[in-house]
Amino acid sequence: QVQLVESGGGLVQAGASLRLSCAASGLTFSGYSMGWFRQAPGKEREMVATIDQGVITDYADFAKSRFTIFRADAANTLYLQMGSVKPEDMAVYYCNARLDSRSYWGQGTQVTVSS
């Protein structure tokens, strides 16, 4: 079955950098559009960044210039490089794989930011 396993979250100081990873299995990774989403307590899940099967990316306004999404198809892994982290970035970050009507989610990784 499809599995998406996020890692790299944790406690980070405001202004620091953090890299999240999403290891995928059970699917043809290169054929899927991938994305990072996040959900803070009491808020709806929101898109952070997406990347298509190639190199076309899209970012939420809050992520532009601070975050970078990229993928390593040979390793079936998606990444999110987070820079200049802010307290408002604190959330559970989820990996998503999407192809046509199929959509898969990971279990999420917690990012906690101390100010």
Protein backbone atom coordinates (compact mmCIF):
# COMPACT_ATOMS: atom_id res chain seq x y z
CA GLN A 1 0.00 0.00 0.00
CA VAL A 2 0.99 3.63 -0.35
CA GLN A 3 2.98 5.03 2.54
CA LEU A 4 4.19 8.57 3.05
CA VAL A 5 6.42 9.02 6.07
CA GLU A 6 7.40 12.51 7.14
CA SER A 7 10.42 13.28 9.28
CA GLY A 8 12.60 16.20 10.28
CA GLY A 9 10.20 18.07 12.50
CA GLY A 10 11.01 19.11 16.02
CA LEU A 11 11.76 22.10 18.18
CA VAL A 12 13.53 24.96 16.44
CA GLN A 13 14.30 28.54 17.42
CA ALA A 14 12.76 31.39 15.51
CA GLY A 15 15.03 32.44 12.68
CA ALA A 16 16.59 29.02 12.27
CA SER A 17 16.33 26.56 9.39
CA LEU A 18 14.78 23.14 9.20
CA ARG A 19 14.48 20.49 6.51
CA LEU A 20 11.49 18.19 6.36
CA SER A 21 11.56 14.92 4.44
CA CYS A 22 8.81 12.68 3.11
CA ALA A 23 9.76 9.14 2.16
CA ALA A 24 7.27 7.54 -0.23
CA SER A 25 6.67 3.89 -0.99
CA GLY A 26 4.03 1.82 -2.73
CA LEU A 27 3.61 4.24 -5.63
CA THR A 28 5.42 5.37 -8.75
CA PHE A 29 6.77 8.47 -7.07
CA SER A 30 7.93 10.27 -10.19
CA GLY A 31 4.41 10.16 -11.62
CA TYR A 32 2.82 12.03 -8.74
CA SER A 33 2.48 15.69 -7.96
CA MET A 34 3.66 16.23 -4.40
CA GLY A 35 2.95 18.81 -1.79
CA TRP A 36 3.45 19.99 1.75
CA PHE A 37 0.49 21.14 3.82
CA ARG A 38 0.26 22.23 7.41
CA GLN A 39 -2.32 22.47 10.14
CA ALA A 40 -2.01 24.56 13.26
CA PRO A 41 -4.22 23.99 16.32
CA GLY A 42 -7.70 25.33 15.73
CA LYS A 43 -7.01 26.10 12.09
CA GLU A 44 -7.77 24.40 8.81
CA ARG A 45 -5.14 22.53 6.87
CA GLU A 46 -3.46 24.82 4.35
CA MET A 47 -1.16 24.40 1.41
CA VAL A 48 2.49 25.30 1.98
CA ALA A 49 4.06 24.31 -1.34
CA THR A 50 3.53 21.93 -4.23
CA ILE A 51 5.68 20.52 -6.99
CA ASP A 52 4.48 18.76 -10.11
CA GLN A 53 6.06 15.71 -11.71
CA GLY A 54 8.82 17.97 -13.00
CA VAL A 55 10.10 21.19 -11.52
CA ILE A 56 7.08 23.48 -11.51
CA THR A 57 6.42 24.68 -8.00
CA ASP A 58 3.78 26.73 -6.26
CA TYR A 59 4.02 28.38 -2.86
CA ALA A 60 1.68 29.94 -0.40
CA ASP A 61 2.43 33.61 0.09
CA PHE A 62 3.86 33.00 3.58
CA ALA A 63 6.28 30.42 2.16
CA LYS A 64 7.63 32.43 -0.75
CA SER A 65 11.28 33.46 -0.30
CA ARG A 66 11.60 31.42 2.93
CA PHE A 67 10.72 27.82 1.98
CA THR A 68 11.87 25.62 -0.89
CA ILE A 69 10.17 22.44 -2.03
CA PHE A 70 12.13 19.91 -4.03
CA ARG A 71 12.04 16.24 -4.86
CA ALA A 72 14.54 13.46 -5.39
CA ASP A 73 12.75 10.95 -7.57
CA ALA A 74 15.62 8.45 -7.46
CA ALA A 75 15.17 8.29 -3.69
CA ASN A 76 11.36 8.54 -3.69
CA THR A 77 11.67 11.49 -1.33
CA LEU A 78 10.12 14.92 -1.09
CA TYR A 79 11.73 17.74 0.86
CA LEU A 80 10.81 21.07 2.32
CA GLN A 81 13.66 23.36 3.22
CA MET A 82 12.39 25.91 5.72
CA GLY A 83 14.35 29.06 6.43
CA SER A 84 13.87 32.01 8.77
CA VAL A 85 11.27 30.02 10.68
CA LYS A 86 8.69 32.10 12.53
CA PRO A 87 6.48 31.26 15.52
CA GLU A 88 3.47 31.27 13.20
CA ASP A 89 5.05 28.40 11.24
CA MET A 90 4.38 26.11 14.19
CA ALA A 91 2.07 23.33 12.96
CA VAL A 92 1.87 19.71 11.95
CA TYR A 93 3.30 19.40 8.46
CA TYR A 94 1.83 16.81 6.11
CA CYS A 95 3.10 15.33 2.88
CA ASN A 96 0.63 14.73 0.05
CA ALA A 97 0.86 12.73 -3.16
CA ARG A 98 -1.68 13.37 -5.89
CA LEU A 99 -2.43 11.84 -9.28
CA ASP A 100 -5.79 12.25 -10.99
CA SER A 101 -8.39 11.33 -8.35
CA ARG A 102 -5.89 9.63 -6.09
CA SER A 103 -4.62 11.52 -3.07
CA TYR A 104 -2.52 10.16 -0.25
CA TRP A 105 -1.43 11.71 3.04
CA GLY A 106 1.30 11.03 5.54
CA GLN A 107 0.80 11.07 9.29
CA GLY A 108 2.50 14.42 9.70
CA THR A 109 5.50 15.77 11.55
CA GLN A 110 5.27 18.41 14.27
CA VAL A 111 7.23 21.64 13.93
CA THR A 112 7.48 23.67 17.12
CA VAL A 113 9.03 27.12 17.05
CA SER A 114 10.38 28.84 20.14
CA SER A 115 10.65 32.60 20.14
